[in-house]
Amino acid sequence: MPCATSVQTPSEARVARLSPSSPRHAHEHSVKSHLVDYWGERAEDFAALHTRELASPKRAAWLAEIAPQLTRAGRPAGTPLRILDAGTGSGFLALILADLGHEVRGIDLTPEMIEQARATARRLGSSATFEVRDAERTGFAPGSFDLVVTRNLTWALPHLAQAYAHWHDLLAPGGVLVNFDGDYAHERPLRELAVPEAHAHAGISRSLQREYEHIKEHLAAGQLARPAWDLELLAQAGFHDVELDTHLSERLFAEPDDFYNPTPMFRIVARR
């Protein structure tokens, strides 16, 4: 298992929540506090969605997007990889990768998401482990991982350049980053997105919709056009052999279903 330094307990890693209606908001605003608050409210719904996703054809479809990269991570064939699932949420990618025999650690800033991931891992008998940690500064030692994978996280990081540089350091020489994401900060308002009736986004309260739009507004102000911006930041962080695939949604979301994503997604693979 990877080594770790400056290990944080869940209570230490948790970001203090701060509602937009709080009198302290104007002086102590933190996008991360809003993210923790929002995803804490959404954790149970998304865990239920991802549980269904694990039992659906989407599991194999997502694995097919990652599997070719597993052989490129600089380890001898047949050797379990040390994998970090950054922004694991309720653990979807971590669980399917651990099922292949790899040593997988999933991290997320939202304690409720980690609780859901741990519960699912116990139910499935998975070896994946889950911790509350900040993906921008994880506390893990340099070279701890052969693969860093992330899904729908990087749009929500207020210091993306810092995160990419940190992940570069976390990877062993020859290690690989696989990033699945979309330009969510600039997408249409949630109320205008066409999602199936059974989707986790369908029917959420107006207050949560406002919170989500509030988060996007603050993040968008600090982001350039993606994924072109990502390619620049990855090069600055020291990555090479960077590959961009903008056809991910065409493969995964050709037809609307419970897991449909109306915002176009991309895949970036980069080597340390």
Protein backbone atom coordinates (compact mmCIF):
# COMPACT_ATOMS: atom_id res chain seq x y z
CA MET A 1 0.00 0.00 0.00
CA PRO A 2 1.19 3.58 -0.60
CA CYS A 3 2.99 5.45 2.08
CA ALA A 4 1.45 8.59 3.50
CA THR A 5 2.67 11.68 5.27
CA SER A 6 0.71 14.31 7.16
CA VAL A 7 -2.23 11.97 7.43
CA GLN A 8 -5.47 13.73 8.26
CA THR A 9 -8.35 12.26 10.16
CA PRO A 10 -11.81 12.73 8.62
CA SER A 11 -12.64 15.40 11.17
CA GLU A 12 -9.41 17.28 10.40
CA ALA A 13 -9.87 17.03 6.64
CA ARG A 14 -13.48 18.17 6.63
CA VAL A 15 -14.03 21.65 5.24
CA ALA A 16 -16.21 23.86 7.41
CA ARG A 17 -19.59 24.38 5.78
CA LEU A 18 -20.70 27.91 5.07
CA SER A 19 -24.16 28.60 3.63
CA PRO A 20 -24.57 31.44 1.11
CA SER A 21 -27.13 32.91 3.53
CA SER A 22 -24.65 33.03 6.40
CA PRO A 23 -23.60 36.55 7.54
CA ARG A 24 -20.00 35.30 7.37
CA HIS A 25 -20.32 34.34 3.71
CA ALA A 26 -19.08 37.59 2.18
CA HIS A 27 -15.95 37.52 4.33
CA GLU A 28 -15.17 33.80 4.52
CA HIS A 29 -16.53 32.44 1.27
CA SER A 30 -15.08 29.10 0.29
CA VAL A 31 -16.06 27.25 -2.86
CA LYS A 32 -14.93 24.05 -1.21
CA SER A 33 -17.23 24.59 1.75
CA HIS A 34 -20.12 24.90 -0.68
CA LEU A 35 -19.04 21.78 -2.54
CA VAL A 36 -18.92 19.78 0.69
CA ASP A 37 -22.32 21.09 1.68
CA TYR A 38 -23.92 20.45 -1.72
CA TRP A 39 -22.50 16.96 -2.29
CA GLY A 40 -23.21 16.03 1.30
CA GLU A 41 -26.87 16.65 0.54
CA ARG A 42 -26.63 14.68 -2.70
CA ALA A 43 -24.58 11.73 -1.41
CA GLU A 44 -27.41 9.28 -0.77
CA ASP A 45 -29.06 9.87 -4.15
CA PHE A 46 -25.80 9.54 -6.05
CA ALA A 47 -24.82 6.41 -4.14
CA ALA A 48 -28.12 4.83 -5.15
CA LEU A 49 -27.53 5.89 -8.77
CA HIS A 50 -24.00 4.46 -8.80
CA THR A 51 -25.14 1.23 -7.18
CA ARG A 52 -27.47 0.76 -10.15
CA GLU A 53 -24.66 1.81 -12.48
CA LEU A 54 -22.38 -0.89 -11.05
CA ALA A 55 -24.98 -3.49 -11.97
CA SER A 56 -25.59 -2.06 -15.44
CA PRO A 57 -23.74 -2.27 -18.81
CA LYS A 58 -22.22 1.12 -17.95
CA ARG A 59 -19.78 -0.64 -15.63
CA ALA A 60 -18.17 -2.47 -18.55
CA ALA A 61 -18.34 0.64 -20.71
CA TRP A 62 -16.41 2.73 -18.18
CA LEU A 63 -13.91 -0.06 -17.59
CA ALA A 64 -13.27 -0.23 -21.32
CA GLU A 65 -12.27 3.44 -21.21
CA ILE A 66 -9.71 2.80 -18.45
CA ALA A 67 -8.43 -0.72 -19.18
CA PRO A 68 -6.00 0.24 -21.99
CA GLN A 69 -4.27 2.66 -19.62
CA LEU A 70 -3.69 0.02 -16.93
CA THR A 71 -1.00 -1.64 -19.06
CA ARG A 72 0.77 1.70 -19.59
CA ALA A 73 1.34 2.52 -15.93
CA GLY A 74 4.94 1.36 -15.73
CA ARG A 75 4.46 -1.87 -13.76
CA PRO A 76 5.27 -5.44 -14.88
CA ALA A 77 2.38 -7.34 -16.42
CA GLY A 78 0.25 -9.03 -13.77
CA THR A 79 1.47 -6.75 -10.97
CA PRO A 80 -1.33 -5.00 -9.05
CA LEU A 81 -1.29 -1.26 -9.60
CA ARG A 82 -1.37 1.29 -6.81
CA ILE A 83 -4.33 3.42 -7.84
CA LEU A 84 -5.70 6.69 -6.47
CA ASP A 85 -9.30 7.52 -7.33
CA ALA A 86 -9.36 11.27 -6.70
CA GLY A 87 -12.83 12.66 -6.04
CA THR A 88 -14.19 9.15 -5.75
CA GLY A 89 -17.67 10.26 -4.69
CA SER A 90 -19.56 7.12 -3.75
CA GLY A 91 -16.71 4.98 -5.09
CA PHE A 92 -17.79 3.85 -8.56
CA LEU A 93 -14.38 3.77 -10.31
CA ALA A 94 -12.51 2.63 -7.20
CA LEU A 95 -14.81 -0.33 -6.78
CA ILE A 96 -14.55 -1.60 -10.35
CA LEU A 97 -10.76 -1.21 -10.35
CA ALA A 98 -10.35 -2.97 -7.00
CA ASP A 99 -12.44 -5.81 -8.41
CA LEU A 100 -9.60 -6.37 -10.90
CA GLY A 101 -7.16 -6.99 -8.06
CA HIS A 102 -5.52 -3.56 -7.87
CA GLU A 103 -4.71 -1.67 -4.65
CA VAL A 104 -7.16 1.20 -4.78
CA ARG A 105 -7.62 4.17 -2.48
CA GLY A 106 -10.56 6.48 -3.06
CA ILE A 107 -10.54 9.99 -1.63
CA ASP A 108 -13.18 12.69 -1.50
CA LEU A 109 -13.65 15.93 0.39
CA THR A 110 -17.27 15.15 1.30
CA PRO A 111 -17.57 12.87 4.35
CA GLU A 112 -21.06 11.71 3.39
CA MET A 113 -19.77 10.48 0.03
CA ILE A 114 -17.00 8.53 1.75
CA GLU A 115 -19.52 7.00 4.14
CA GLN A 116 -21.56 5.83 1.16
CA ALA A 117 -18.47 4.45 -0.59
CA ARG A 118 -17.40 2.52 2.50
CA ALA A 119 -20.88 1.08 2.93
CA THR A 120 -20.95 -0.12 -0.67
CA ALA A 121 -17.45 -1.60 -0.35
CA ARG A 122 -18.52 -3.54 2.75
CA ARG A 123 -21.64 -4.80 1.00
CA LEU A 124 -19.68 -5.95 -2.04
CA GLY A 125 -16.69 -7.29 -0.09
CA SER A 126 -14.39 -4.90 -1.97
CA SER A 127 -10.77 -4.31 -0.99
CA ALA A 128 -10.97 -0.62 -2.01
CA THR A 129 -10.38 1.79 0.87
CA PHE A 130 -11.86 5.26 1.22
CA GLU A 131 -10.73 8.37 3.07
CA VAL A 132 -11.75 12.00 3.45
CA ARG A 133 -8.94 13.98 1.84
CA ASP A 134 -8.50 17.07 -0.32
CA ALA A 135 -7.57 16.10 -3.90
CA GLU A 136 -5.51 19.29 -4.30
CA ARG A 137 -3.24 18.34 -1.39
CA THR A 138 -3.75 14.73 -0.44
CA GLY A 139 -0.98 14.23 2.12
CA PHE A 140 0.32 11.16 0.27
CA ALA A 141 4.06 10.83 -0.35
CA PRO A 142 5.54 11.49 -3.80
CA GLY A 143 5.61 8.43 -6.04
CA SER A 144 2.88 6.64 -4.07
CA PHE A 145 0.76 5.67 -7.07
CA ASP A 146 1.04 4.12 -10.53
CA LEU A 147 -2.30 5.46 -11.71
CA VAL A 148 -4.42 8.45 -10.73
CA VAL A 149 -7.96 8.30 -12.07
CA THR A 150 -10.72 10.82 -11.64
CA ARG A 151 -14.27 11.27 -12.93
CA ASN A 152 -16.19 14.55 -12.85
CA LEU A 153 -13.83 16.17 -10.35
CA THR A 154 -11.43 18.60 -12.00
CA TRP A 155 -14.14 21.10 -12.97
CA ALA A 156 -14.81 21.59 -9.26
CA LEU A 157 -11.22 22.24 -8.17
CA PRO A 158 -10.56 25.94 -7.54
CA HIS A 159 -6.79 25.38 -7.90
CA LEU A 160 -6.56 23.04 -10.87
CA ALA A 161 -2.95 23.89 -11.73
CA GLN A 162 -1.97 22.98 -8.16
CA ALA A 163 -3.88 19.72 -8.39
CA TYR A 164 -2.24 18.63 -11.63
CA ALA A 165 1.22 19.44 -10.25
CA HIS A 166 0.44 17.52 -7.08
CA TRP A 167 -0.83 14.47 -8.98
CA HIS A 168 2.30 14.53 -11.12
CA ASP A 169 4.35 14.26 -7.93
CA LEU A 170 2.13 11.48 -6.57
CA LEU A 171 2.78 9.30 -9.61
CA ALA A 172 5.79 7.01 -9.83
CA PRO A 173 7.97 7.45 -12.94
CA GLY A 174 5.98 6.20 -15.92
CA GLY A 175 2.73 6.54 -14.00
CA VAL A 176 -0.45 7.62 -15.74
CA LEU A 177 -3.24 10.12 -15.05
CA VAL A 178 -6.68 9.37 -16.50
CA ASN A 179 -9.12 12.25 -16.18
CA PHE A 180 -12.78 12.04 -17.24
CA ASP A 181 -14.55 15.38 -17.03
CA GLY A 182 -16.76 17.99 -18.67
CA ASP A 183 -16.93 21.77 -18.69
CA TYR A 184 -19.62 21.74 -16.01
CA ALA A 185 -18.84 25.21 -14.69
CA HIS A 186 -20.02 26.64 -18.02
CA GLU A 187 -22.93 24.30 -18.69
CA ARG A 188 -26.52 25.48 -18.90
CA PRO A 189 -28.46 25.88 -15.62
CA LEU A 190 -29.45 22.58 -14.06
CA ARG A 191 -33.17 23.27 -14.54
CA GLU A 192 -32.58 23.43 -18.33
CA LEU A 193 -30.68 20.16 -18.63
CA ALA A 194 -32.60 17.20 -20.03
CA VAL A 195 -32.14 14.30 -17.62
CA PRO A 196 -34.21 11.09 -17.36
CA GLU A 197 -36.86 10.91 -14.66
CA ALA A 198 -34.87 8.34 -12.65
CA HIS A 199 -31.63 10.34 -12.75
CA ALA A 200 -30.19 11.68 -9.50
CA HIS A 201 -30.38 15.25 -10.85
CA ALA A 202 -34.10 14.98 -11.60
CA GLY A 203 -36.44 16.56 -9.11
CA ILE A 204 -33.92 18.08 -6.70
CA SER A 205 -35.08 21.03 -4.64
CA ARG A 206 -34.83 24.61 -5.86
CA SER A 207 -32.53 25.45 -2.97
CA LEU A 208 -30.08 22.76 -4.09
CA GLN A 209 -30.36 23.97 -7.68
CA ARG A 210 -29.46 27.48 -6.51
CA GLU A 211 -26.52 26.12 -4.52
CA TYR A 212 -25.24 24.26 -7.58
CA GLU A 213 -25.51 27.34 -9.80
CA HIS A 214 -23.79 29.40 -7.11
CA ILE A 215 -20.87 26.96 -7.10
CA LYS A 216 -20.61 26.99 -10.89
CA GLU A 217 -20.66 30.80 -10.98
CA HIS A 218 -17.66 31.07 -8.67
CA LEU A 219 -15.69 28.31 -10.37
CA ALA A 220 -16.35 29.59 -13.90
CA ALA A 221 -14.78 32.94 -13.03
CA GLY A 222 -11.40 31.26 -12.58
CA GLN A 223 -11.49 28.80 -15.48
CA LEU A 224 -10.44 29.17 -19.11
CA ALA A 225 -11.96 27.17 -21.95
CA ARG A 226 -11.77 23.46 -21.29
CA PRO A 227 -10.29 21.05 -22.15
CA ALA A 228 -7.73 23.25 -23.96
CA TRP A 229 -6.85 24.85 -20.63
CA ASP A 230 -6.25 21.41 -19.11
CA LEU A 231 -3.68 20.59 -21.77
CA GLU A 232 -1.74 23.75 -20.94
CA LEU A 233 -1.83 23.06 -17.21
CA LEU A 234 -0.75 19.44 -17.64
CA ALA A 235 2.26 20.49 -19.71
CA GLN A 236 3.17 23.08 -17.07
CA ALA A 237 2.91 20.38 -14.38
CA GLY A 238 5.47 18.24 -16.22
CA PHE A 239 3.21 15.63 -17.85
CA HIS A 240 4.03 14.33 -21.32
CA ASP A 241 2.38 12.07 -23.90
CA VAL A 242 -0.86 13.91 -23.21
CA GLU A 243 -3.82 12.54 -25.17
CA LEU A 244 -7.21 14.24 -25.46
CA ASP A 245 -10.37 12.37 -26.50
CA THR A 246 -13.45 14.53 -26.99
CA HIS A 247 -15.71 11.68 -28.13
CA LEU A 248 -16.29 10.08 -24.73
CA SER A 249 -19.94 11.09 -24.54
CA GLU A 250 -20.62 9.67 -27.99
CA ARG A 251 -19.52 6.26 -26.73
CA LEU A 252 -21.02 6.32 -23.24
CA PHE A 253 -24.16 8.40 -23.63
CA ALA A 254 -25.42 7.71 -27.12
CA GLU A 255 -28.88 6.99 -25.71
CA PRO A 256 -30.57 8.65 -22.72
CA ASP A 257 -30.87 6.35 -19.71
CA ASP A 258 -30.74 6.69 -15.93
CA PHE A 259 -27.01 7.45 -16.18
CA TYR A 260 -27.24 9.88 -19.09
CA ASN A 261 -25.05 12.98 -18.93
CA PRO A 262 -26.27 15.90 -21.09
CA THR A 263 -22.98 17.78 -20.71
CA PRO A 264 -20.29 16.61 -23.18
CA MET A 265 -17.44 14.80 -21.47
CA PHE A 266 -13.79 14.39 -22.47
CA ARG A 267 -11.02 12.00 -21.50
CA ILE A 268 -7.43 13.09 -20.94
CA VAL A 269 -4.58 10.60 -20.47
CA ALA A 270 -1.17 11.91 -19.43
CA ARG A 271 2.09 10.26 -18.37
CA ARG A 272 4.54 11.28 -15.68
